[in-house]
Amino acid sequence: MKVKELKFEVKDGESNQRIDQYLSDRLSDYSRTFLNRMVKEKNVQVGSEHVKPSYRVNVGDIIKIELPTEKNHRPLPEDIPLNILYEDDDIIVINKPKGMVVHPAPGNYTHTLVNALLFHCGDHLAAGNDKMRPGIVHRIDKDTTGALVACKNDPAFQSLSSQLAAHTITRRYRAVCYGDLKDDTGTIEGNIGRHPINRIKMACGVPGGKSAVTHYRVLERFHGYNYIECQLETGRTHQIRVHMASIRHPLLGDEIYGPGKSAFKHLQGQTLHAMVLGFQHPVTGEYIEFTAPLPEYFTNLLKKLKNVL
């Protein structure tokens, strides 16, 4: 099996965490359970030593992990409940919960949205372009919640893929960012590509990056935080997270692009919700639009920001 090697150095303020938790915070596409197993199977070293999952990291530790990059089997159906916003013979629109990975990948070969869709839809999922991603046209991050469409047949898949490539799909997100944005509305433009040093991150302005455009508007201002709406023209990996961080207003809870742990200890990853999704139906041609209600954690956070700050 092919593997890739990643290295991390523990910085100030990151010490005294279990090593599996430390790795989970930095490898958001992998489950903590999987990373725990990687430690147990001696795929993780601190310096030149193998450690136990209970090992607590120290400032200056150099951590090396070897991760598998491929898996031979196809994903299997799993009976996982789905929050379905809409469904017909051609498409299904899901309100994805926080913590669910969209499709199988190294570290997350089970309990993904694809596993749930295979159980719910049976053989009625588009083959798509990747055997590990049947029906999947677009993705949202593991800890991002909200609306996502999957296709039940190849014509529907081709139609929505074309709309995605043409940037005609409506995608509006809600987020909470650090700081007070100078203007009520704005546009961020900046090519996005893989970070040249930290390969788990994306970055603006890197050679070979793809064009990316995000429009934002402030919905409500709090002391030290803004509640915003972001609309995508393009759909690059981590686009909103990278763009907001590039203007020094990273998303609250984002431990990859933000300042680390926030004062709101209940948060799990970035405060980002795919609220509105709209497109032309692949068969009727009618424009249809769906709204995924804000999740409970998000509404509770807004209440705290209003009442406390």
Protein backbone atom coordinates (compact mmCIF):
# COMPACT_ATOMS: atom_id res chain seq x y z
CA MET A 1 0.00 0.00 0.00
CA LYS A 2 1.27 3.47 -0.87
CA VAL A 3 1.83 5.89 2.00
CA LYS A 4 2.50 9.58 2.41
CA GLU A 5 4.57 11.08 5.22
CA LEU A 6 3.64 14.24 7.10
CA LYS A 7 5.61 16.07 9.78
CA PHE A 8 4.48 18.51 12.47
CA GLU A 9 6.30 20.51 15.11
CA VAL A 10 4.48 21.21 18.37
CA LYS A 11 4.30 24.96 18.97
CA ASP A 12 3.77 27.09 22.08
CA GLY A 13 0.24 26.64 23.38
CA GLU A 14 -0.16 23.20 21.79
CA SER A 15 1.53 21.06 24.44
CA ASN A 16 -0.01 18.58 26.90
CA GLN A 17 -2.54 17.20 24.39
CA ARG A 18 -2.82 13.49 23.72
CA ILE A 19 -1.01 12.78 20.49
CA ASP A 20 -4.13 11.35 18.79
CA GLN A 21 -6.03 14.54 19.66
CA TYR A 22 -3.14 16.73 18.45
CA LEU A 23 -3.10 14.88 15.11
CA SER A 24 -6.90 14.96 14.82
CA ASP A 25 -6.89 18.75 15.17
CA ARG A 26 -4.46 19.04 12.26
CA LEU A 27 -5.74 16.29 10.00
CA SER A 28 -9.41 17.18 9.75
CA ASP A 29 -10.11 14.67 6.97
CA TYR A 30 -9.17 11.77 9.27
CA SER A 31 -11.13 10.47 12.24
CA ARG A 32 -9.54 10.44 15.69
CA THR A 33 -10.27 6.72 15.88
CA PHE A 34 -8.24 6.13 12.72
CA LEU A 35 -5.35 8.28 13.96
CA ASN A 36 -5.41 6.46 17.29
CA ARG A 37 -5.00 3.22 15.35
CA MET A 38 -2.14 4.71 13.35
CA VAL A 39 -0.33 5.44 16.63
CA LYS A 40 -1.00 1.92 17.95
CA GLU A 41 0.24 0.37 14.69
CA LYS A 42 3.51 2.32 14.98
CA ASN A 43 2.87 4.58 12.00
CA VAL A 44 3.57 7.61 14.21
CA GLN A 45 6.91 8.67 15.68
CA VAL A 46 7.94 11.45 18.04
CA GLY A 47 11.53 12.09 17.08
CA SER A 48 12.82 8.58 16.48
CA GLU A 49 10.56 6.89 19.04
CA HIS A 50 7.17 5.21 18.70
CA VAL A 51 4.73 6.30 21.40
CA LYS A 52 1.35 5.24 22.80
CA PRO A 53 -1.90 7.10 22.00
CA SER A 54 -1.89 8.43 25.58
CA TYR A 55 1.42 10.24 25.01
CA ARG A 56 1.08 13.97 25.65
CA VAL A 57 2.96 16.20 23.24
CA ASN A 58 5.56 18.75 24.31
CA VAL A 59 6.71 22.00 22.73
CA GLY A 60 9.39 21.21 20.14
CA ASP A 61 8.29 17.63 19.51
CA ILE A 62 8.75 16.61 15.87
CA ILE A 63 5.91 14.25 14.99
CA LYS A 64 6.05 12.10 11.87
CA ILE A 65 3.05 10.12 10.61
CA GLU A 66 2.76 7.78 7.64
CA LEU A 67 -0.72 7.63 6.13
CA PRO A 68 -2.12 5.22 3.52
CA THR A 69 -3.04 6.96 0.27
CA GLU A 70 -5.24 4.36 -1.37
CA LYS A 71 -7.80 1.68 -0.65
CA ASN A 72 -8.84 -1.02 -3.07
CA HIS A 73 -12.40 -1.81 -2.07
CA ARG A 74 -15.54 0.13 -2.94
CA PRO A 75 -17.54 1.87 -0.19
CA LEU A 76 -20.27 -0.21 1.44
CA PRO A 77 -23.84 0.79 2.39
CA GLU A 78 -24.38 1.77 6.03
CA ASP A 79 -27.68 2.46 7.77
CA ILE A 80 -26.97 6.05 8.80
CA PRO A 81 -29.91 8.49 9.20
CA LEU A 82 -30.05 11.31 6.65
CA ASN A 83 -31.63 14.75 7.01
CA ILE A 84 -33.21 14.96 3.54
CA LEU A 85 -34.26 18.39 2.28
CA TYR A 86 -35.51 17.13 -1.10
CA GLU A 87 -35.56 13.93 -3.13
CA ASP A 88 -36.88 12.76 -6.50
CA ASP A 89 -35.88 10.16 -9.11
CA ASP A 90 -32.82 12.16 -10.19
CA ILE A 91 -31.36 14.01 -7.21
CA ILE A 92 -31.27 14.06 -3.42
CA VAL A 93 -30.44 17.13 -1.33
CA ILE A 94 -29.04 16.48 2.14
CA ASN A 95 -28.51 18.72 5.17
CA LYS A 96 -25.11 17.32 6.21
CA PRO A 97 -24.32 17.28 9.94
CA LYS A 98 -21.09 18.42 11.55
CA GLY A 99 -18.41 15.77 11.81
CA MET A 100 -19.52 13.73 8.77
CA VAL A 101 -17.04 13.25 5.93
CA VAL A 102 -18.67 13.41 2.48
CA HIS A 103 -16.92 10.46 0.82
CA PRO A 104 -14.48 7.69 1.79
CA ALA A 105 -10.81 8.66 1.85
CA PRO A 106 -7.74 7.59 3.81
CA GLY A 107 -8.71 7.53 7.47
CA ASN A 108 -12.45 7.68 6.77
CA TYR A 109 -13.53 4.65 4.77
CA THR A 110 -16.75 4.20 6.77
CA HIS A 111 -19.51 6.33 8.30
CA THR A 112 -19.39 8.85 5.44
CA LEU A 113 -22.25 10.47 3.57
CA VAL A 114 -21.57 8.16 0.62
CA ASN A 115 -21.99 5.10 2.85
CA ALA A 116 -25.33 6.51 4.01
CA LEU A 117 -26.44 7.33 0.45
CA LEU A 118 -25.59 3.82 -0.76
CA PHE A 119 -27.90 2.38 1.90
CA HIS A 120 -30.69 4.87 1.23
CA CYS A 121 -30.54 4.91 -2.58
CA GLY A 122 -29.33 1.37 -3.27
CA ASP A 123 -28.20 1.04 -6.87
CA HIS A 124 -29.74 4.41 -7.75
CA LEU A 125 -26.61 6.55 -7.50
CA ALA A 126 -24.64 7.99 -10.39
CA ALA A 127 -21.32 6.30 -11.06
CA GLY A 128 -19.68 9.71 -11.40
CA ASN A 129 -15.96 10.06 -12.04
CA ASP A 130 -14.66 8.16 -9.00
CA LYS A 131 -15.74 4.80 -7.56
CA MET A 132 -15.23 6.19 -4.04
CA ARG A 133 -17.60 9.12 -4.70
CA PRO A 134 -20.77 7.75 -6.35
CA GLY A 135 -23.34 10.49 -6.83
CA ILE A 136 -21.16 13.22 -5.37
CA VAL A 137 -20.99 16.42 -7.44
CA HIS A 138 -19.50 18.77 -4.84
CA ARG A 139 -18.18 18.52 -1.30
CA ILE A 140 -18.21 20.45 1.94
CA ASP A 141 -15.68 19.97 4.73
CA LYS A 142 -16.12 17.45 7.53
CA ASP A 143 -16.97 20.11 10.12
CA THR A 144 -18.99 22.31 7.75
CA THR A 145 -22.73 21.70 7.93
CA GLY A 146 -25.49 22.26 5.42
CA ALA A 147 -26.94 21.65 1.98
CA LEU A 148 -25.32 19.26 -0.48
CA VAL A 149 -26.79 17.62 -3.60
CA ALA A 150 -26.07 14.09 -4.86
CA CYS A 151 -27.19 12.56 -8.16
CA LYS A 152 -29.01 9.28 -8.72
CA ASN A 153 -28.10 8.79 -12.38
CA ASP A 154 -25.35 9.78 -14.78
CA PRO A 155 -27.36 12.33 -16.85
CA ALA A 156 -28.18 14.22 -13.66
CA PHE A 157 -24.54 14.03 -12.60
CA GLN A 158 -23.33 15.41 -15.94
CA SER A 159 -25.87 18.26 -15.82
CA LEU A 160 -24.95 19.39 -12.32
CA SER A 161 -21.22 18.95 -12.97
CA SER A 162 -21.57 21.26 -15.99
CA GLN A 163 -23.45 23.83 -13.90
CA LEU A 164 -20.75 23.65 -11.24
CA ALA A 165 -18.01 24.17 -13.83
CA ALA A 166 -19.91 27.13 -15.29
CA HIS A 167 -20.28 28.69 -11.79
CA THR A 168 -24.08 28.90 -12.16
CA ILE A 169 -24.94 27.00 -8.96
CA THR A 170 -26.02 29.27 -6.09
CA ARG A 171 -24.10 28.57 -2.87
CA ARG A 172 -24.55 30.89 0.09
CA TYR A 173 -22.95 30.15 3.44
CA ARG A 174 -23.30 31.54 6.94
CA ALA A 175 -20.22 31.97 9.11
CA VAL A 176 -18.84 33.78 12.14
CA CYS A 177 -15.43 35.39 11.68
CA TYR A 178 -12.95 36.99 14.03
CA GLY A 179 -12.63 40.76 14.09
CA ASP A 180 -14.71 43.62 12.77
CA LEU A 181 -14.83 43.83 8.97
CA LYS A 182 -14.21 47.35 7.70
CA ASP A 183 -16.97 47.26 5.07
CA ASP A 184 -20.45 45.74 5.19
CA THR A 185 -19.87 44.03 1.84
CA GLY A 186 -16.81 42.96 -0.08
CA THR A 187 -15.25 40.59 -2.60
CA ILE A 188 -12.13 38.51 -2.05
CA GLU A 189 -10.22 37.38 -5.12
CA GLY A 190 -7.11 35.27 -4.86
CA ASN A 191 -5.84 32.11 -6.48
CA ILE A 192 -5.99 29.11 -4.16
CA GLY A 193 -3.63 26.15 -4.23
CA ARG A 194 -1.88 23.68 -1.95
CA HIS A 195 0.28 25.34 0.70
CA PRO A 196 3.94 24.99 -0.34
CA ILE A 197 5.10 23.87 3.13
CA ASN A 198 2.09 22.60 5.10
CA ARG A 199 0.51 20.17 2.66
CA ILE A 200 -2.70 19.75 4.66
CA LYS A 201 -3.51 23.43 4.10
CA MET A 202 -4.52 25.51 1.12
CA ALA A 203 -3.22 29.04 0.56
CA CYS A 204 -3.76 32.15 -1.55
CA GLY A 205 -1.31 33.27 -4.19
CA VAL A 206 0.62 30.03 -4.58
CA PRO A 207 2.11 29.13 -7.99
CA GLY A 208 -0.33 27.04 -9.99
CA GLY A 209 -3.28 28.00 -7.80
CA LYS A 210 -6.77 28.19 -9.29
CA SER A 211 -8.80 31.39 -9.48
CA ALA A 212 -11.24 31.85 -6.63
CA VAL A 213 -13.84 34.53 -5.85
CA THR A 214 -15.84 34.93 -2.63
CA HIS A 215 -18.40 37.66 -1.95
CA TYR A 216 -19.29 38.47 1.67
CA ARG A 217 -21.71 40.70 3.55
CA VAL A 218 -22.01 41.41 7.25
CA LEU A 219 -25.31 40.31 8.77
CA GLU A 220 -24.59 41.32 12.36
CA ARG A 221 -21.66 42.79 14.27
CA PHE A 222 -20.62 41.70 17.75
CA HIS A 223 -17.68 42.75 19.91
CA GLY A 224 -14.73 41.04 18.27
CA TYR A 225 -16.78 38.89 15.88
CA ASN A 226 -18.95 39.33 12.77
CA TYR A 227 -21.81 37.13 11.61
CA ILE A 228 -21.52 37.01 7.82
CA GLU A 229 -22.94 35.53 4.65
CA CYS A 230 -20.51 34.33 1.96
CA GLN A 231 -21.47 33.58 -1.63
CA LEU A 232 -19.17 31.51 -3.80
CA GLU A 233 -18.47 32.18 -7.45
CA THR A 234 -15.97 29.32 -7.50
CA GLY A 235 -15.69 26.27 -5.28
CA ARG A 236 -12.07 25.65 -4.35
CA THR A 237 -11.03 23.46 -1.43
CA HIS A 238 -11.45 25.37 1.86
CA GLN A 239 -12.23 28.50 -0.19
CA ILE A 240 -14.17 30.55 2.37
CA ARG A 241 -11.83 29.53 5.18
CA VAL A 242 -8.72 30.44 3.18
CA HIS A 243 -10.12 33.69 1.80
CA MET A 244 -11.34 34.98 5.16
CA ALA A 245 -8.01 34.08 6.76
CA SER A 246 -6.20 35.89 3.93
CA ILE A 247 -7.85 39.19 4.94
CA ARG A 248 -7.11 38.51 8.64
CA HIS A 249 -10.66 37.56 9.56
CA PRO A 250 -10.49 33.75 9.94
CA LEU A 251 -13.56 31.79 10.90
CA LEU A 252 -14.30 31.22 14.56
CA GLY A 253 -13.36 27.66 15.55
CA ASP A 254 -11.09 27.09 12.54
CA GLU A 255 -8.01 25.45 14.03
CA ILE A 256 -6.22 25.14 10.68
CA TYR A 257 -6.53 28.71 9.37
CA GLY A 258 -7.48 30.51 12.59
CA PRO A 259 -5.61 31.34 15.80
CA GLY A 260 -6.27 27.93 17.40
CA LYS A 261 -8.52 27.19 20.35
CA SER A 262 -11.24 29.80 20.89
CA ALA A 263 -13.01 30.98 24.03
CA PHE A 264 -16.02 28.95 22.90
CA LYS A 265 -14.81 25.50 23.98
CA HIS A 266 -17.93 23.68 22.71
CA LEU A 267 -17.09 24.39 19.07
CA GLN A 268 -16.02 21.52 16.82
CA GLY A 269 -14.11 23.00 13.92
CA GLN A 270 -15.00 26.06 11.88
CA THR A 271 -18.28 27.93 12.29
CA LEU A 272 -19.48 27.50 8.70
CA HIS A 273 -22.86 26.40 7.34
CA ALA A 274 -23.91 25.86 3.70
CA MET A 275 -27.33 27.46 4.03
CA VAL A 276 -28.62 28.00 0.47
CA LEU A 277 -28.12 25.75 -2.55
CA GLY A 278 -29.79 26.49 -5.88
CA PHE A 279 -29.48 25.08 -9.42
CA GLN A 280 -31.40 24.10 -12.53
CA HIS A 281 -33.09 20.73 -12.14
CA PRO A 282 -31.20 18.32 -14.43
CA VAL A 283 -34.44 17.04 -16.05
CA THR A 284 -37.04 19.83 -15.91
CA GLY A 285 -34.58 22.71 -16.31
CA GLU A 286 -36.48 24.61 -13.59
CA TYR A 287 -34.40 26.62 -11.13
CA ILE A 288 -34.86 25.16 -7.65
CA GLU A 289 -33.41 26.39 -4.37
CA PHE A 290 -33.09 24.81 -0.94
CA THR A 291 -32.37 26.24 2.50
CA ALA A 292 -30.76 24.23 5.27
CA PRO A 293 -31.69 25.69 8.68
CA LEU A 294 -28.85 26.74 10.93
CA PRO A 295 -27.77 23.87 13.19
CA GLU A 296 -28.40 24.12 16.92
CA TYR A 297 -24.76 24.77 17.82
CA PHE A 298 -24.75 27.78 15.48
CA THR A 299 -27.97 29.33 16.80
CA ASN A 300 -26.76 28.82 20.37
CA LEU A 301 -23.49 30.55 19.50
CA LEU A 302 -25.33 33.55 18.04
CA LYS A 303 -27.40 33.82 21.24
CA LYS A 304 -24.23 33.83 23.33
CA LEU A 305 -22.65 36.48 21.13
CA LYS A 306 -25.73 38.67 21.47
CA ASN A 307 -26.19 38.20 25.20
CA VAL A 308 -22.65 37.99 26.49
CA LEU A 309 -20.40 40.06 24.25
